[in-house]
C-alpha atoms as a PDB file:
ATOM      1  CA  MET A   1      74.201 148.459 -15.288  1.00  0.00           C
ATOM      2  CA  GLN A   2      76.197 150.666 -12.913  1.00  0.00           C
ATOM      3  CA  THR A   3      77.573 149.390  -9.623  1.00  0.00           C
ATOM      4  CA  CYS A   4      76.571 151.401  -6.548  1.00  0.00           C
ATOM      5  CA  GLN A   5      79.336 153.798  -5.447  1.00  0.00           C
ATOM      6  CA  HIS A   6      78.000 153.728  -1.890  1.00  0.00           C
ATOM      7  CA  CYS A   7      77.913 150.002  -1.011  1.00  0.00           C
ATOM      8  CA  HIS A   8      79.871 148.583  -4.004  1.00  0.00           C
ATOM      9  CA  ALA A   9      77.581 145.525  -3.981  1.00  0.00           C
ATOM     10  CA  GLY A  10      74.293 146.601  -5.561  1.00  0.00           C
ATOM     11  CA  HIS A  11      73.329 147.881  -8.963  1.00  0.00           C
ATOM     12  CA  LEU A  12      71.639 151.177  -9.774  1.00  0.00           C
ATOM     13  CA  HIS A  13      68.185 151.081 -11.342  1.00  0.00           C
ATOM     14  CA  LYS A  14      66.303 154.021 -12.828  1.00  0.00           C
ATOM     15  CA  LYS A  15      63.435 155.327 -10.693  1.00  0.00           C
ATOM     16  CA  HIS A  16      61.332 158.525 -10.481  1.00  0.00           C
ATOM     17  CA  ILE A  17      61.327 160.372  -7.155  1.00  0.00           C
ATOM     18  CA  PRO A  18      60.243 163.811  -5.891  1.00  0.00           C
ATOM     19  CA  TYR A  19      63.097 166.338  -5.711  1.00  0.00           C
ATOM     20  CA  ALA A  20      62.897 168.954  -2.957  1.00  0.00           C
ATOM     21  CA  ASN A  21      65.447 171.632  -2.119  1.00  0.00           C
ATOM     22  CA  TRP A  22      65.893 175.331  -1.423  1.00  0.00           C
ATOM     23  CA  HIS A  23      66.593 177.511  -4.480  1.00  0.00           C
ATOM     24  CA  ALA A  24      66.965 181.292  -4.162  1.00  0.00           C
ATOM     25  CA  SER A  25      65.363 181.198  -0.675  1.00  0.00           C
ATOM     26  CA  GLU A  26      62.288 179.354  -2.005  1.00  0.00           C
ATOM     27  CA  PHE A  27      61.467 175.714  -1.255  1.00  0.00           C
ATOM     28  CA  VAL A  28      60.963 173.933  -4.583  1.00  0.00           C
ATOM     29  CA  VAL A  29      59.481 170.462  -5.169  1.00  0.00           C
ATOM     30  CA  VAL A  30      59.727 168.743  -8.557  1.00  0.00           C
ATOM     31  CA  GLN A  31      57.705 165.545  -8.936  1.00  0.00           C
ATOM     32  CA  ASN A  32      58.841 162.531 -11.004  1.00  0.00           C
ATOM     33  CA  MET A  33      62.527 163.457 -11.122  1.00  0.00           C
ATOM     34  CA  PRO A  34      64.646 160.723 -12.778  1.00  0.00           C
ATOM     35  CA  ALA A  35      67.066 159.131 -10.323  1.00  0.00           C
ATOM     36  CA  TRP A  36      69.179 156.003  -9.835  1.00  0.00           C
ATOM     37  CA  GLN A  37      68.537 153.776  -6.800  1.00  0.00           C
ATOM     38  CA  CYS A  38      70.636 150.881  -5.503  1.00  0.00           C
ATOM     39  CA  ASP A  39      68.839 147.555  -5.175  1.00  0.00           C
ATOM     40  CA  VAL A  40      70.903 146.595  -2.090  1.00  0.00           C
ATOM     41  CA  CYS A  41      71.436 149.676   0.117  1.00  0.00           C
ATOM     42  CA  ALA A  42      68.670 151.909  -1.387  1.00  0.00           C
ATOM     43  CA  TYR A  43      71.180 154.742  -1.964  1.00  0.00           C
ATOM     44  CA  CYS A  44      69.625 157.192  -4.413  1.00  0.00           C
ATOM     45  CA  GLU A  45      71.251 159.769  -6.658  1.00  0.00           C
ATOM     46  CA  LEU A  46      69.597 162.139  -9.086  1.00  0.00           C
ATOM     47  CA  ASP A  47      70.233 161.849 -12.799  1.00  0.00           C
ATOM     48  CA  ALA A  48      73.136 164.239 -13.480  1.00  0.00           C
ATOM     49  CA  GLU A  49      71.936 165.235 -16.949  1.00  0.00           C
ATOM     50  CA  VAL A  50      68.516 166.260 -15.653  1.00  0.00           C
ATOM     51  CA  ILE A  51      70.039 168.214 -12.743  1.00  0.00           C
ATOM     52  CA  ASN A  52      72.327 170.083 -15.168  1.00  0.00           C
ATOM     53  CA  ARG A  53      69.255 171.082 -17.197  1.00  0.00           C
ATOM     54  CA  LEU A  54      67.154 171.973 -14.139  1.00  0.00           C
ATOM     55  CA  LEU A  55      69.581 174.139 -12.137  1.00  0.00           C
ATOM     56  CA  PRO A  56      69.767 177.003 -14.674  1.00  0.00           C
ATOM     57  CA  LEU A  57      65.969 177.282 -14.420  1.00  0.00           C
ATOM     58  CA  LEU A  58      65.796 177.200 -10.602  1.00  0.00           C
ATOM     59  CA  GLY A  59      69.008 178.981  -9.677  1.00  0.00           C
ATOM     60  CA  PRO A  60      71.648 177.815  -7.204  1.00  0.00           C
ATOM     61  CA  VAL A  61      70.830 175.630  -4.213  1.00  0.00           C
ATOM     62  CA  THR A  62      70.558 177.861  -1.131  1.00  0.00           C
ATOM     63  CA  ARG A  63      69.550 177.638   2.488  1.00  0.00           C
ATOM     64  CA  PRO A  64      66.552 179.527   3.875  1.00  0.00           C
ATOM     65  CA  ASP A  65      67.342 182.819   5.587  1.00  0.00           C
ATOM     66  CA  PRO A  66      66.690 182.200   9.312  1.00  0.00           C
ATOM     67  CA  THR A  67      66.229 185.931   9.937  1.00  0.00           C
ATOM     68  CA  GLN A  68      63.213 186.123   7.624  1.00  0.00           C
ATOM     69  CA  PRO A  69      59.762 185.014   8.805  1.00  0.00           C
ATOM     70  CA  ARG A  70      58.298 182.014   7.048  1.00  0.00           C
ATOM     71  CA  ARG A  71      55.235 182.561   4.910  1.00  0.00           C
ATOM     72  CA  VAL A  72      52.116 180.651   5.857  1.00  0.00           C
ATOM     73  CA  LEU A  73      49.836 179.590   3.033  1.00  0.00           C
ATOM     74  CA  LYS A  74      46.213 180.373   3.730  1.00  0.00           C
ATOM     75  CA  SER A  75      43.493 177.814   3.163  1.00  0.00           C
ATOM     76  CA  THR A  76      41.524 178.203  -0.050  1.00  0.00           C
ATOM     77  CA  THR A  77      38.275 177.115   1.640  1.00  0.00           C
ATOM     78  CA  SER A  78      36.294 179.448   3.825  1.00  0.00           C
ATOM     79  CA  ALA A  79      34.954 178.635   7.279  1.00  0.00           C
ATOM     80  CA  THR A  80      31.388 178.548   5.902  1.00  0.00           C
ATOM     81  CA  ASP A  81      32.185 176.306   2.920  1.00  0.00           C
ATOM     82  CA  PRO A  82      29.625 173.412   2.868  1.00  0.00           C
ATOM     83  CA  LEU A  83      32.102 171.071   1.163  1.00  0.00           C
ATOM     84  CA  ARG A  84      34.582 171.634   3.969  1.00  0.00           C
ATOM     85  CA  ASP A  85      31.863 170.721   6.500  1.00  0.00           C
ATOM     86  CA  GLU A  86      31.133 167.493   4.594  1.00  0.00           C
ATOM     87  CA  LEU A  87      34.789 166.485   4.513  1.00  0.00           C
ATOM     88  CA  ASP A  88      35.456 167.249   8.178  1.00  0.00           C
ATOM     89  CA  PRO A  89      32.786 165.681  10.416  1.00  0.00           C
ATOM     90  CA  ASP A  90      34.077 167.561  13.487  1.00  0.00           C
ATOM     91  CA  ARG A  91      33.172 170.867  11.816  1.00  0.00           C
ATOM     92  CA  ARG A  92      29.562 169.983  10.998  1.00  0.00           C
ATOM     93  CA  ARG A  93      26.994 172.336  12.359  1.00  0.00           C
ATOM     94  CA  ALA A  94      24.426 170.993  14.823  1.00  0.00           C
END
Protein backbone atom coordinates (compact mmCIF):
# COMPACT_ATOMS: atom_id res chain seq x y z
CA MET A 1 0.00 0.00 0.00
CA GLN A 2 1.30 3.46 -0.94
CA THR A 3 1.63 6.26 1.59
CA CYS A 4 -0.15 9.50 0.67
CA GLN A 5 2.26 12.08 -0.78
CA HIS A 6 -0.05 14.89 0.35
CA CYS A 7 -0.50 14.25 4.10
CA HIS A 8 2.19 11.55 4.63
CA ALA A 9 -0.11 9.83 7.16
CA GLY A 10 -2.77 7.99 5.16
CA HIS A 11 -2.67 5.20 2.64
CA LEU A 12 -3.95 5.28 -0.93
CA HIS A 13 -6.81 2.97 -1.86
CA LYS A 14 -8.09 2.27 -5.36
CA LYS A 15 -11.41 3.93 -6.21
CA HIS A 16 -13.38 4.78 -9.39
CA ILE A 17 -14.28 8.44 -9.93
CA PRO A 18 -15.57 10.58 -12.82
CA TYR A 19 -12.81 12.42 -14.70
CA ALA A 20 -13.71 15.81 -16.18
CA ASN A 21 -11.43 18.21 -18.02
CA TRP A 22 -11.08 20.34 -21.14
CA HIS A 23 -9.46 18.61 -24.14
CA ALA A 24 -9.08 20.41 -27.48
CA SER A 25 -11.62 23.07 -26.38
CA GLU A 26 -14.24 20.41 -25.56
CA PHE A 27 -15.35 19.50 -22.04
CA VAL A 28 -14.94 15.74 -21.63
CA VAL A 29 -16.30 13.53 -18.83
CA VAL A 30 -15.14 9.93 -18.39
CA GLN A 31 -17.07 7.88 -15.84
CA ASN A 32 -15.49 5.19 -13.62
CA MET A 33 -11.89 6.37 -14.02
CA PRO A 34 -9.48 4.41 -11.78
CA ALA A 35 -7.92 6.62 -9.11
CA TRP A 36 -6.13 6.41 -5.75
CA GLN A 37 -7.69 8.12 -2.71
CA CYS A 38 -6.15 8.72 0.71
CA ASP A 39 -8.07 7.30 3.66
CA VAL A 40 -7.01 10.22 5.92
CA CYS A 41 -7.04 13.48 3.91
CA ALA A 42 -9.18 12.27 0.94
CA TYR A 43 -6.52 13.46 -1.54
CA CYS A 44 -7.23 11.80 -4.89
CA GLU A 45 -4.95 11.19 -7.84
CA LEU A 46 -5.75 9.49 -11.12
CA ASP A 47 -4.09 6.24 -12.07
CA ALA A 48 -1.04 7.27 -14.12
CA GLU A 49 -1.16 4.25 -16.43
CA VAL A 50 -4.77 4.92 -17.39
CA ILE A 51 -4.09 8.63 -17.97
CA ASN A 52 -1.14 7.76 -20.24
CA ARG A 53 -3.46 5.54 -22.30
CA LEU A 54 -6.33 8.07 -22.33
CA LEU A 55 -4.51 11.29 -23.30
CA PRO A 56 -3.51 10.15 -26.82
CA LEU A 57 -7.21 9.51 -27.51
CA LEU A 58 -8.48 12.84 -26.12
CA GLY A 59 -5.61 15.15 -27.00
CA PRO A 60 -3.83 17.59 -24.69
CA VAL A 61 -5.55 19.22 -21.73
CA THR A 62 -6.62 22.74 -22.75
CA ARG A 63 -8.63 25.62 -21.40
CA PRO A 64 -11.84 26.80 -23.07
CA ASP A 65 -11.47 29.77 -25.41
CA PRO A 66 -13.19 32.69 -23.62
CA THR A 67 -13.69 34.53 -26.92
CA GLN A 68 -15.91 31.77 -28.32
CA PRO A 69 -19.58 31.52 -27.35
CA ARG A 70 -20.58 28.46 -25.39
CA ARG A 71 -22.88 25.98 -27.07
CA VAL A 72 -26.19 25.31 -25.39
CA LEU A 73 -27.60 21.81 -25.71
CA LYS A 74 -31.24 21.80 -26.69
CA SER A 75 -33.76 19.64 -24.89
CA THR A 76 -34.71 16.42 -26.65
CA THR A 77 -38.34 16.69 -25.49
CA SER A 78 -40.79 19.01 -27.15
CA ALA A 79 -43.09 21.44 -25.36
CA THR A 80 -46.12 19.27 -26.26
CA ASP A 81 -44.57 15.97 -25.12
CA PRO A 82 -47.09 14.19 -22.81
CA LEU A 83 -44.31 12.42 -20.90
CA ARG A 84 -42.72 15.76 -20.10
CA ASP A 85 -46.08 16.98 -18.73
CA GLU A 86 -46.34 13.88 -16.51
CA LEU A 87 -42.85 14.36 -15.11
CA ASP A 88 -43.24 18.09 -14.44
CA PRO A 89 -46.49 18.81 -12.56
CA ASP A 90 -46.07 22.58 -13.05
CA ARG A 91 -46.35 22.11 -16.82
CA ARG A 92 -49.60 20.12 -16.78
CA ARG A 93 -52.38 21.56 -18.83
CA ALA A 94 -55.59 22.60 -17.07
